[in-house]
Amino acid sequence: MGFYPVCPGDNTYIIGSPLFSKLTVRLPEEWYPGKTFTIIARNQAADHCYVQSALNGEVLSRAWITHSEIVAGGTLEFVMDSAPNQEWAAADQDLPHSMTPRKREEKI
């Protein structure tokens, strides 16, 4: 879908490459009447695996989304390309809380 949970019990989902160009999740009627969450991947193809930008009603500079943002309904829109965007989600505040700046440096 383009996002996955960081760990069980955490309300944060990491943004990644969606496999579909469009997907709509119909949220349970008993809790979220009439709400849907749609994921759209513009320029999505097998050789376009890099997220260039993300939009959920407003531009997301961060590489994560919360459960409450998903169940609020709406549209998560990705723009994909064949090369990474070195500027997108590059700042420390754009990383999920589970990945501190120190942990990020260790991975580079």
PDB file of N, CA and C in Angstrom:
ATOM      1  N   MET A   1       0.817  -1.197   0.000  1.00  0.00           N
ATOM      2  CA  MET A   1       0.000   0.000   0.000  1.00  0.00           C
ATOM      3  C   MET A   1       0.857   1.256   0.000  1.00  0.00           C
ATOM      4  N   GLY A   2       2.096   1.157   0.432  1.00  0.00           N
ATOM      5  CA  GLY A   2       2.942   2.326   0.474  1.00  0.00           C
ATOM      6  C   GLY A   2       3.278   2.771   1.881  1.00  0.00           C
ATOM      7  N   PHE A   3       2.835   2.001   2.869  1.00  0.00           N
ATOM      8  CA  PHE A   3       3.217   2.275   4.255  1.00  0.00           C
ATOM      9  C   PHE A   3       3.097   0.969   5.033  1.00  0.00           C
ATOM     10  N   TYR A   4       3.853   0.865   6.119  1.00  0.00           N
ATOM     11  CA  TYR A   4       3.820  -0.331   6.944  1.00  0.00           C
ATOM     12  C   TYR A   4       4.128   0.056   8.385  1.00  0.00           C
ATOM     13  N   PRO A   5       3.635  -0.738   9.359  1.00  0.00           N
ATOM     14  CA  PRO A   5       3.852  -0.386  10.765  1.00  0.00           C
ATOM     15  C   PRO A   5       5.318  -0.487  11.159  1.00  0.00           C
ATOM     16  N   VAL A   6       5.721   0.402  12.063  1.00  0.00           N
ATOM     17  CA  VAL A   6       7.092   0.385  12.582  1.00  0.00           C
ATOM     18  C   VAL A   6       7.259  -0.816  13.502  1.00  0.00           C
ATOM     19  N   CYS A   7       6.347  -0.962  14.452  1.00  0.00           N
ATOM     20  CA  CYS A   7       6.379  -2.111  15.354  1.00  0.00           C
ATOM     21  C   CYS A   7       4.995  -2.267  15.977  1.00  0.00           C
ATOM     22  N   PRO A   8       4.645  -3.466  16.428  1.00  0.00           N
ATOM     23  CA  PRO A   8       3.337  -3.681  17.044  1.00  0.00           C
ATOM     24  C   PRO A   8       3.118  -2.738  18.223  1.00  0.00           C
ATOM     25  N   GLY A   9       1.935  -2.188  18.295  1.00  0.00           N
ATOM     26  CA  GLY A   9       1.595  -1.295  19.392  1.00  0.00           C
ATOM     27  C   GLY A   9       1.967   0.152  19.166  1.00  0.00           C
ATOM     28  N   ASP A  10       2.713   0.438  18.119  1.00  0.00           N
ATOM     29  CA  ASP A  10       3.094   1.808  17.796  1.00  0.00           C
ATOM     30  C   ASP A  10       2.105   2.337  16.764  1.00  0.00           C
ATOM     31  N   ASN A  11       1.745   3.603  16.861  1.00  0.00           N
ATOM     32  CA  ASN A  11       0.760   4.173  15.933  1.00  0.00           C
ATOM     33  C   ASN A  11       1.401   4.801  14.701  1.00  0.00           C
ATOM     34  N   THR A  12       2.676   4.520  14.468  1.00  0.00           N
ATOM     35  CA  THR A  12       3.405   5.127  13.355  1.00  0.00           C
ATOM     36  C   THR A  12       3.617   4.108  12.244  1.00  0.00           C
ATOM     37  N   TYR A  13       3.415   4.557  11.008  1.00  0.00           N
ATOM     38  CA  TYR A  13       3.648   3.732   9.826  1.00  0.00           C
ATOM     39  C   TYR A  13       4.715   4.412   8.968  1.00  0.00           C
ATOM     40  N   ILE A  14       5.682   3.651   8.502  1.00  0.00           N
ATOM     41  CA  ILE A  14       6.742   4.160   7.639  1.00  0.00           C
ATOM     42  C   ILE A  14       6.230   4.211   6.204  1.00  0.00           C
ATOM     43  N   ILE A  15       6.529   5.288   5.513  1.00  0.00           N
ATOM     44  CA  ILE A  15       6.150   5.425   4.111  1.00  0.00           C
ATOM     45  C   ILE A  15       7.206   4.730   3.252  1.00  0.00           C
ATOM     46  N   GLY A  16       6.732   3.929   2.313  1.00  0.00           N
ATOM     47  CA  GLY A  16       7.603   3.216   1.393  1.00  0.00           C
ATOM     48  C   GLY A  16       7.014   3.236  -0.003  1.00  0.00           C
ATOM     49  N   SER A  17       7.498   2.385  -0.861  1.00  0.00           N
ATOM     50  CA  SER A  17       7.045   2.341  -2.249  1.00  0.00           C
ATOM     51  C   SER A  17       5.741   1.543  -2.376  1.00  0.00           C
ATOM     52  N   PRO A  18       4.691   2.165  -2.870  1.00  0.00           N
ATOM     53  CA  PRO A  18       3.450   1.418  -3.078  1.00  0.00           C
ATOM     54  C   PRO A  18       3.564   0.493  -4.288  1.00  0.00           C
ATOM     55  N   LEU A  19       2.890  -0.655  -4.228  1.00  0.00           N
ATOM     56  CA  LEU A  19       2.894  -1.604  -5.341  1.00  0.00           C
ATOM     57  C   LEU A  19       1.769  -1.329  -6.333  1.00  0.00           C
ATOM     58  N   PHE A  20       0.783  -0.564  -5.916  1.00  0.00           N
ATOM     59  CA  PHE A  20      -0.383  -0.305  -6.742  1.00  0.00           C
ATOM     60  C   PHE A  20      -0.438   1.169  -7.124  1.00  0.00           C
ATOM     61  N   SER A  21      -1.040   1.466  -8.258  1.00  0.00           N
ATOM     62  CA  SER A  21      -1.185   2.868  -8.657  1.00  0.00           C
ATOM     63  C   SER A  21      -2.330   3.537  -7.899  1.00  0.00           C
ATOM     64  N   LYS A  22      -3.328   2.742  -7.455  1.00  0.00           N
ATOM     65  CA  LYS A  22      -4.418   3.296  -6.647  1.00  0.00           C
ATOM     66  C   LYS A  22      -5.042   2.179  -5.831  1.00  0.00           C
ATOM     67  N   LEU A  23      -5.340   2.493  -4.585  1.00  0.00           N
ATOM     68  CA  LEU A  23      -5.945   1.545  -3.668  1.00  0.00           C
ATOM     69  C   LEU A  23      -6.832   2.321  -2.705  1.00  0.00           C
ATOM     70  N   THR A  24      -8.037   1.813  -2.468  1.00  0.00           N
ATOM     71  CA  THR A  24      -8.929   2.463  -1.514  1.00  0.00           C
ATOM     72  C   THR A  24      -9.262   1.495  -0.390  1.00  0.00           C
ATOM     73  N   VAL A  25      -9.051   1.938   0.846  1.00  0.00           N
ATOM     74  CA  VAL A  25      -9.379   1.165   2.037  1.00  0.00           C
ATOM     75  C   VAL A  25     -10.696   1.713   2.576  1.00  0.00           C
ATOM     76  N   ARG A  26     -11.671   0.854   2.663  1.00  0.00           N
ATOM     77  CA  ARG A  26     -12.947   1.256   3.256  1.00  0.00           C
ATOM     78  C   ARG A  26     -12.861   0.978   4.746  1.00  0.00           C
ATOM     79  N   LEU A  27     -12.894   2.027   5.535  1.00  0.00           N
ATOM     80  CA  LEU A  27     -12.749   1.901   6.981  1.00  0.00           C
ATOM     81  C   LEU A  27     -14.034   1.325   7.574  1.00  0.00           C
ATOM     82  N   PRO A  28     -13.942   0.536   8.665  1.00  0.00           N
ATOM     83  CA  PRO A  28     -15.119  -0.120   9.245  1.00  0.00           C
ATOM     84  C   PRO A  28     -16.246   0.877   9.563  1.00  0.00           C
ATOM     85  N   GLU A  29     -17.422   0.570   9.033  1.00  0.00           N
ATOM     86  CA  GLU A  29     -18.596   1.443   9.193  1.00  0.00           C
ATOM     87  C   GLU A  29     -18.938   1.717  10.655  1.00  0.00           C
ATOM     88  N   GLU A  30     -18.789   0.713  11.526  1.00  0.00           N
ATOM     89  CA  GLU A  30     -19.192   0.893  12.928  1.00  0.00           C
ATOM     90  C   GLU A  30     -18.325   1.895  13.676  1.00  0.00           C
ATOM     91  N   TRP A  31     -17.118   2.147  13.199  1.00  0.00           N
ATOM     92  CA  TRP A  31     -16.226   3.104  13.867  1.00  0.00           C
ATOM     93  C   TRP A  31     -15.971   4.365  13.043  1.00  0.00           C
ATOM     94  N   TYR A  32     -15.982   4.227  11.731  1.00  0.00           N
ATOM     95  CA  TYR A  32     -15.657   5.355  10.851  1.00  0.00           C
ATOM     96  C   TYR A  32     -16.695   5.437   9.736  1.00  0.00           C
ATOM     97  N   PRO A  33     -17.939   5.804  10.053  1.00  0.00           N
ATOM     98  CA  PRO A  33     -19.024   5.761   9.070  1.00  0.00           C
ATOM     99  C   PRO A  33     -18.710   6.506   7.769  1.00  0.00           C
ATOM    100  N   GLY A  34     -18.743   5.746   6.679  1.00  0.00           N
ATOM    101  CA  GLY A  34     -18.589   6.325   5.353  1.00  0.00           C
ATOM    102  C   GLY A  34     -17.199   6.796   4.993  1.00  0.00           C
ATOM    103  N   LYS A  35     -16.211   6.553   5.846  1.00  0.00           N
ATOM    104  CA  LYS A  35     -14.865   7.060   5.568  1.00  0.00           C
ATOM    105  C   LYS A  35     -14.048   6.047   4.771  1.00  0.00           C
ATOM    106  N   THR A  36     -13.203   6.582   3.897  1.00  0.00           N
ATOM    107  CA  THR A  36     -12.260   5.772   3.131  1.00  0.00           C
ATOM    108  C   THR A  36     -10.896   6.436   3.185  1.00  0.00           C
ATOM    109  N   PHE A  37      -9.869   5.631   2.975  1.00  0.00           N
ATOM    110  CA  PHE A  37      -8.511   6.137   2.879  1.00  0.00           C
ATOM    111  C   PHE A  37      -7.959   5.626   1.558  1.00  0.00           C
ATOM    112  N   THR A  38      -7.628   6.549   0.660  1.00  0.00           N
ATOM    113  CA  THR A  38      -7.167   6.196  -0.680  1.00  0.00           C
ATOM    114  C   THR A  38      -5.683   6.490  -0.818  1.00  0.00           C
ATOM    115  N   ILE A  39      -4.981   5.540  -1.421  1.00  0.00           N
ATOM    116  CA  ILE A  39      -3.555   5.702  -1.693  1.00  0.00           C
ATOM    117  C   ILE A  39      -3.405   5.783  -3.211  1.00  0.00           C
ATOM    118  N   ILE A  40      -2.770   6.831  -3.684  1.00  0.00           N
ATOM    119  CA  ILE A  40      -2.532   7.030  -5.114  1.00  0.00           C
ATOM    120  C   ILE A  40      -1.031   7.165  -5.325  1.00  0.00           C
ATOM    121  N   ALA A  41      -0.508   6.439  -6.318  1.00  0.00           N
ATOM    122  CA  ALA A  41       0.913   6.547  -6.663  1.00  0.00           C
ATOM    123  C   ALA A  41       1.017   7.058  -8.089  1.00  0.00           C
ATOM    124  N   ARG A  42       1.420   8.287  -8.234  1.00  0.00           N
ATOM    125  CA  ARG A  42       1.616   8.889  -9.554  1.00  0.00           C
ATOM    126  C   ARG A  42       2.977   8.458 -10.105  1.00  0.00           C
ATOM    127  N   ASN A  43       3.007   8.146 -11.385  1.00  0.00           N
ATOM    128  CA  ASN A  43       4.240   7.749 -12.055  1.00  0.00           C
ATOM    129  C   ASN A  43       4.772   6.422 -11.515  1.00  0.00           C
ATOM    130  N   GLN A  44       3.876   5.563 -11.004  1.00  0.00           N
ATOM    131  CA  GLN A  44       4.265   4.289 -10.408  1.00  0.00           C
ATOM    132  C   GLN A  44       4.570   3.272 -11.506  1.00  0.00           C
ATOM    133  N   ALA A  45       5.727   2.607 -11.403  1.00  0.00           N
ATOM    134  CA  ALA A  45       6.138   1.556 -12.330  1.00  0.00           C
ATOM    135  C   ALA A  45       7.204   0.721 -11.632  1.00  0.00           C
ATOM    136  N   ALA A  46       7.499  -0.428 -12.198  1.00  0.00           N
ATOM    137  CA  ALA A  46       8.495  -1.325 -11.594  1.00  0.00           C
ATOM    138  C   ALA A  46       9.843  -0.641 -11.398  1.00  0.00           C
ATOM    139  N   ASP A  47      10.215   0.237 -12.328  1.00  0.00           N
ATOM    140  CA  ASP A  47      11.505   0.920 -12.208  1.00  0.00           C
ATOM    141  C   ASP A  47      11.393   2.306 -11.566  1.00  0.00           C
ATOM    142  N   HIS A  48      10.237   2.617 -10.990  1.00  0.00           N
ATOM    143  CA  HIS A  48      10.026   3.884 -10.276  1.00  0.00           C
ATOM    144  C   HIS A  48       9.695   3.568  -8.814  1.00  0.00           C
ATOM    145  N   CYS A  49      10.695   3.142  -8.074  1.00  0.00           N
ATOM    146  CA  CYS A  49      10.472   2.690  -6.698  1.00  0.00           C
ATOM    147  C   CYS A  49      10.780   3.753  -5.647  1.00  0.00           C
ATOM    148  N   TYR A  50      11.190   4.936  -6.070  1.00  0.00           N
ATOM    149  CA  TYR A  50      11.583   5.976  -5.113  1.00  0.00           C
ATOM    150  C   TYR A  50      10.494   7.023  -4.945  1.00  0.00           C
ATOM    151  N   VAL A  51      10.134   7.283  -3.689  1.00  0.00           N
ATOM    152  CA  VAL A  51       9.154   8.327  -3.383  1.00  0.00           C
ATOM    153  C   VAL A  51       9.833   9.680  -3.559  1.00  0.00           C
ATOM    154  N   GLN A  52       9.235  10.523  -4.366  1.00  0.00           N
ATOM    155  CA  GLN A  52       9.747  11.876  -4.588  1.00  0.00           C
ATOM    156  C   GLN A  52       9.091  12.863  -3.626  1.00  0.00           C
ATOM    157  N   SER A  53       7.800  12.628  -3.390  1.00  0.00           N
ATOM    158  CA  SER A  53       7.052  13.486  -2.475  1.00  0.00           C
ATOM    159  C   SER A  53       5.800  12.738  -2.043  1.00  0.00           C
ATOM    160  N   ALA A  54       5.211  13.197  -0.961  1.00  0.00           N
ATOM    161  CA  ALA A  54       3.977  12.613  -0.443  1.00  0.00           C
ATOM    162  C   ALA A  54       3.052  13.742  -0.017  1.00  0.00           C
ATOM    163  N   LEU A  55       1.771  13.490  -0.169  1.00  0.00           N
ATOM    164  CA  LEU A  55       0.755  14.494   0.127  1.00  0.00           C
ATOM    165  C   LEU A  55      -0.408  13.814   0.821  1.00  0.00           C
ATOM    166  N   ASN A  56      -0.811  14.338   1.961  1.00  0.00           N
ATOM    167  CA  ASN A  56      -1.993  13.854   2.667  1.00  0.00           C
ATOM    168  C   ASN A  56      -2.808  15.082   3.067  1.00  0.00           C
ATOM    169  N   GLY A  57      -3.399  15.726   2.061  1.00  0.00           N
ATOM    170  CA  GLY A  57      -4.096  16.978   2.301  1.00  0.00           C
ATOM    171  C   GLY A  57      -3.133  18.155   2.329  1.00  0.00           C
ATOM    172  N   GLU A  58      -1.927  17.908   2.727  1.00  0.00           N
ATOM    173  CA  GLU A  58      -0.839  18.891   2.700  1.00  0.00           C
ATOM    174  C   GLU A  58       0.450  18.123   2.438  1.00  0.00           C
ATOM    175  N   VAL A  59       1.479  18.822   2.022  1.00  0.00           N
ATOM    176  CA  VAL A  59       2.748  18.178   1.694  1.00  0.00           C
ATOM    177  C   VAL A  59       3.341  17.537   2.943  1.00  0.00           C
ATOM    178  N   LEU A  60       3.757  16.279   2.811  1.00  0.00           N
ATOM    179  CA  LEU A  60       4.435  15.577   3.900  1.00  0.00           C
ATOM    180  C   LEU A  60       5.930  15.589   3.615  1.00  0.00           C
ATOM    181  N   SER A  61       6.688  16.220   4.464  1.00  0.00           N
ATOM    182  CA  SER A  61       8.139  16.171   4.306  1.00  0.00           C
ATOM    183  C   SER A  61       8.691  14.976   5.063  1.00  0.00           C
ATOM    184  N   ARG A  62       7.869  14.354   5.878  1.00  0.00           N
ATOM    185  CA  ARG A  62       8.309  13.239   6.716  1.00  0.00           C
ATOM    186  C   ARG A  62       8.041  11.892   6.053  1.00  0.00           C
ATOM    187  N   ALA A  63       8.780  10.890   6.482  1.00  0.00           N
ATOM    188  CA  ALA A  63       8.696   9.551   5.907  1.00  0.00           C
ATOM    189  C   ALA A  63       7.804   8.639   6.740  1.00  0.00           C
ATOM    190  N   TRP A  64       6.816   9.199   7.407  1.00  0.00           N
ATOM    191  CA  TRP A  64       5.913   8.409   8.234  1.00  0.00           C
ATOM    192  C   TRP A  64       4.544   9.073   8.303  1.00  0.00           C
ATOM    193  N   ILE A  65       3.567   8.267   8.685  1.00  0.00           N
ATOM    194  CA  ILE A  65       2.192   8.730   8.855  1.00  0.00           C
ATOM    195  C   ILE A  65       1.635   8.023  10.086  1.00  0.00           C
ATOM    196  N   THR A  66       0.692   8.639  10.764  1.00  0.00           N
ATOM    197  CA  THR A  66       0.136   8.030  11.982  1.00  0.00           C
ATOM    198  C   THR A  66      -1.173   7.309  11.693  1.00  0.00           C
ATOM    199  N   HIS A  67      -1.524   6.426  12.608  1.00  0.00           N
ATOM    200  CA  HIS A  67      -2.785   5.696  12.498  1.00  0.00           C
ATOM    201  C   HIS A  67      -3.973   6.661  12.483  1.00  0.00           C
ATOM    202  N   SER A  68      -3.920   7.687  13.316  1.00  0.00           N
ATOM    203  CA  SER A  68      -5.032   8.646  13.365  1.00  0.00           C
ATOM    204  C   SER A  68      -5.185   9.397  12.043  1.00  0.00           C
ATOM    205  N   GLU A  69      -4.089   9.635  11.328  1.00  0.00           N
ATOM    206  CA  GLU A  69      -4.177  10.272  10.010  1.00  0.00           C
ATOM    207  C   GLU A  69      -4.857   9.335   9.001  1.00  0.00           C
ATOM    208  N   ILE A  70      -4.587   8.051   9.118  1.00  0.00           N
ATOM    209  CA  ILE A  70      -5.210   7.075   8.214  1.00  0.00           C
ATOM    210  C   ILE A  70      -6.703   6.970   8.478  1.00  0.00           C
ATOM    211  N   VAL A  71      -7.085   6.775   9.748  1.00  0.00           N
ATOM    212  CA  VAL A  71      -8.506   6.572  10.058  1.00  0.00           C
ATOM    213  C   VAL A  71      -9.327   7.851   9.961  1.00  0.00           C
ATOM    214  N   ALA A  72      -8.668   9.003   9.812  1.00  0.00           N
ATOM    215  CA  ALA A  72      -9.405  10.250   9.568  1.00  0.00           C
ATOM    216  C   ALA A  72      -9.967  10.254   8.148  1.00  0.00           C
ATOM    217  N   GLY A  73      -9.486   9.320   7.314  1.00  0.00           N
ATOM    218  CA  GLY A  73      -9.925   9.265   5.923  1.00  0.00           C
ATOM    219  C   GLY A  73      -9.136  10.254   5.089  1.00  0.00           C
ATOM    220  N   GLY A  74      -9.342  10.201   3.791  1.00  0.00           N
ATOM    221  CA  GLY A  74      -8.653  11.120   2.905  1.00  0.00           C
ATOM    222  C   GLY A  74      -7.827  10.385   1.869  1.00  0.00           C
ATOM    223  N   THR A  75      -6.817  11.070   1.365  1.00  0.00           N
ATOM    224  CA  THR A  75      -5.983  10.526   0.295  1.00  0.00           C
ATOM    225  C   THR A  75      -4.510  10.762   0.596  1.00  0.00           C
ATOM    226  N   LEU A  76      -3.741   9.690   0.501  1.00  0.00           N
ATOM    227  CA  LEU A  76      -2.290   9.769   0.592  1.00  0.00           C
ATOM    228  C   LEU A  76      -1.780   9.617  -0.833  1.00  0.00           C
ATOM    229  N   GLU A  77      -1.149  10.657  -1.332  1.00  0.00           N
ATOM    230  CA  GLU A  77      -0.707  10.677  -2.722  1.00  0.00           C
ATOM    231  C   GLU A  77       0.813  10.697  -2.790  1.00  0.00           C
ATOM    232  N   PHE A  78       1.365   9.763  -3.556  1.00  0.00           N
ATOM    233  CA  PHE A  78       2.803   9.660  -3.768  1.00  0.00           C
ATOM    234  C   PHE A  78       3.146  10.095  -5.182  1.00  0.00           C
ATOM    235  N   VAL A  79       4.301  10.695  -5.358  1.00  0.00           N
ATOM    236  CA  VAL A  79       4.887  10.897  -6.677  1.00  0.00           C
ATOM    237  C   VAL A  79       6.147  10.039  -6.684  1.00  0.00           C
ATOM    238  N   MET A  80       6.242   9.148  -7.666  1.00  0.00           N
ATOM    239  CA  MET A  80       7.325   8.176  -7.732  1.00  0.00           C
ATOM    240  C   MET A  80       8.276   8.503  -8.885  1.00  0.00           C
ATOM    241  N   ASP A  81       9.544   8.000  -8.781  1.00  0.00           N
ATOM    242  CA  ASP A  81      10.516   8.200  -9.851  1.00  0.00           C
ATOM    243  C   ASP A  81      11.568   7.089  -9.782  1.00  0.00           C
ATOM    244  N   SER A  82      12.422   7.051 -10.780  1.00  0.00           N
ATOM    245  CA  SER A  82      13.453   6.015 -10.854  1.00  0.00           C
ATOM    246  C   SER A  82      14.714   6.370 -10.053  1.00  0.00           C
ATOM    247  N   ALA A  83      14.814   7.584  -9.579  1.00  0.00           N
ATOM    248  CA  ALA A  83      15.973   8.015  -8.785  1.00  0.00           C
ATOM    249  C   ALA A  83      15.495   8.580  -7.451  1.00  0.00           C
ATOM    250  N   PRO A  84      16.266   8.396  -6.392  1.00  0.00           N
ATOM    251  CA  PRO A  84      15.853   8.930  -5.095  1.00  0.00           C
ATOM    252  C   PRO A  84      15.867  10.452  -5.056  1.00  0.00           C
ATOM    253  N   ASN A  85      14.961  11.012  -4.276  1.00  0.00           N
ATOM    254  CA  ASN A  85      14.936  12.447  -4.003  1.00  0.00           C
ATOM    255  C   ASN A  85      15.698  12.643  -2.695  1.00  0.00           C
ATOM    256  N   GLN A  86      16.911  13.126  -2.767  1.00  0.00           N
ATOM    257  CA  GLN A  86      17.767  13.273  -1.597  1.00  0.00           C
ATOM    258  C   GLN A  86      17.253  14.314  -0.607  1.00  0.00           C
ATOM    259  N   GLU A  87      16.314  15.149  -1.029  1.00  0.00           N
ATOM    260  CA  GLU A  87      15.772  16.207  -0.164  1.00  0.00           C
ATOM    261  C   GLU A  87      14.537  15.756   0.615  1.00  0.00           C
ATOM    262  N   TRP A  88      13.789  14.765   0.091  1.00  0.00           N
ATOM    263  CA  TRP A  88      12.545  14.360   0.730  1.00  0.00           C
ATOM    264  C   TRP A  88      12.834  13.526   1.978  1.00  0.00           C
ATOM    265  N   ALA A  89      12.232  13.907   3.084  1.00  0.00           N
ATOM    266  CA  ALA A  89      12.353  13.186   4.358  1.00  0.00           C
ATOM    267  C   ALA A  89      13.806  13.067   4.812  1.00  0.00           C
ATOM    268  N   ALA A  90      14.606  14.080   4.534  1.00  0.00           N
ATOM    269  CA  ALA A  90      16.030  14.038   4.854  1.00  0.00           C
ATOM    270  C   ALA A  90      16.377  14.669   6.197  1.00  0.00           C
ATOM    271  N   ALA A  91      15.516  15.523   6.723  1.00  0.00           N
ATOM    272  CA  ALA A  91      15.804  16.197   7.999  1.00  0.00           C
ATOM    273  C   ALA A  91      15.507  15.267   9.171  1.00  0.00           C
ATOM    274  N   ASP A  92      16.187  15.461  10.269  1.00  0.00           N
ATOM    275  CA  ASP A  92      15.989  14.621  11.448  1.00  0.00           C
ATOM    276  C   ASP A  92      14.530  14.606  11.902  1.00  0.00           C
ATOM    277  N   GLN A  93      13.836  15.733  11.841  1.00  0.00           N
ATOM    278  CA  GLN A  93      12.448  15.787  12.294  1.00  0.00           C
ATOM    279  C   GLN A  93      11.503  15.042  11.345  1.00  0.00           C
ATOM    280  N   ASP A  94      11.969  14.677  10.155  1.00  0.00           N
ATOM    281  CA  ASP A  94      11.154  13.935   9.198  1.00  0.00           C
ATOM    282  C   ASP A  94      11.239  12.427   9.400  1.00  0.00           C
ATOM    283  N   LEU A  95      12.148  11.985  10.269  1.00  0.00           N
ATOM    284  CA  LEU A  95      12.294  10.568  10.575  1.00  0.00           C
ATOM    285  C   LEU A  95      11.304  10.180  11.665  1.00  0.00           C
ATOM    286  N   PRO A  96      10.878   8.923  11.707  1.00  0.00           N
ATOM    287  CA  PRO A  96       9.984   8.489  12.790  1.00  0.00           C
ATOM    288  C   PRO A  96      10.715   8.557  14.131  1.00  0.00           C
ATOM    289  N   HIS A  97       9.934   8.681  15.206  1.00  0.00           N
ATOM    290  CA  HIS A  97      10.562   8.806  16.531  1.00  0.00           C
ATOM    291  C   HIS A  97      11.406   7.585  16.880  1.00  0.00           C
ATOM    292  N   SER A  98      11.154   6.449  16.233  1.00  0.00           N
ATOM    293  CA  SER A  98      11.935   5.245  16.510  1.00  0.00           C
ATOM    294  C   SER A  98      13.337   5.304  15.910  1.00  0.00           C
ATOM    295  N   MET A  99      13.578   6.285  15.059  1.00  0.00           N
ATOM    296  CA  MET A  99      14.897   6.400  14.432  1.00  0.00           C
ATOM    297  C   MET A  99      15.502   7.754  14.798  1.00  0.00           C
ATOM    298  N   THR A 100      16.288   7.759  15.835  1.00  0.00           N
ATOM    299  CA  THR A 100      16.931   8.984  16.291  1.00  0.00           C
ATOM    300  C   THR A 100      18.049   9.366  15.324  1.00  0.00           C
ATOM    301  N   PRO A 101      18.521  10.605  15.379  1.00  0.00           N
ATOM    302  CA  PRO A 101      19.638  11.002  14.513  1.00  0.00           C
ATOM    303  C   PRO A 101      20.859  10.092  14.677  1.00  0.00           C
ATOM    304  N   ARG A 102      21.129   9.652  15.893  1.00  0.00           N
ATOM    305  CA  ARG A 102      22.296   8.786  16.108  1.00  0.00           C
ATOM    306  C   ARG A 102      22.107   7.452  15.401  1.00  0.00           C
ATOM    307  N   LYS A 103      20.922   6.860  15.516  1.00  0.00           N
ATOM    308  CA  LYS A 103      20.673   5.584  14.848  1.00  0.00           C
ATOM    309  C   LYS A 103      20.761   5.754  13.340  1.00  0.00           C
ATOM    310  N   ARG A 104      20.319   6.891  12.856  1.00  0.00           N
ATOM    311  CA  ARG A 104      20.386   7.150  11.417  1.00  0.00           C
ATOM    312  C   ARG A 104      21.840   7.194  10.955  1.00  0.00           C
ATOM    313  N   GLU A 105      22.700   7.876  11.708  1.00  0.00           N
ATOM    314  CA  GLU A 105      24.111   7.969  11.347  1.00  0.00           C
ATOM    315  C   GLU A 105      24.775   6.602  11.329  1.00  0.00           C
ATOM    316  N   GLU A 106      24.361   5.727  12.254  1.00  0.00           N
ATOM    317  CA  GLU A 106      24.937   4.392  12.312  1.00  0.00           C
ATOM    318  C   GLU A 106      24.561   3.575  11.074  1.00  0.00           C
ATOM    319  N   LYS A 107      23.416   3.845  10.482  1.00  0.00           N
ATOM    320  CA  LYS A 107      22.954   3.086   9.327  1.00  0.00           C
ATOM    321  C   LYS A 107      23.585   3.562   8.029  1.00  0.00           C
ATOM    322  N   ILE A 108      24.095   4.794   8.002  1.00  0.00           N
ATOM    323  CA  ILE A 108      24.647   5.343   6.759  1.00  0.00           C
ATOM    324  C   ILE A 108      26.007   4.763   6.464  1.00  0.00           C
TER     325      ILE A 108
END
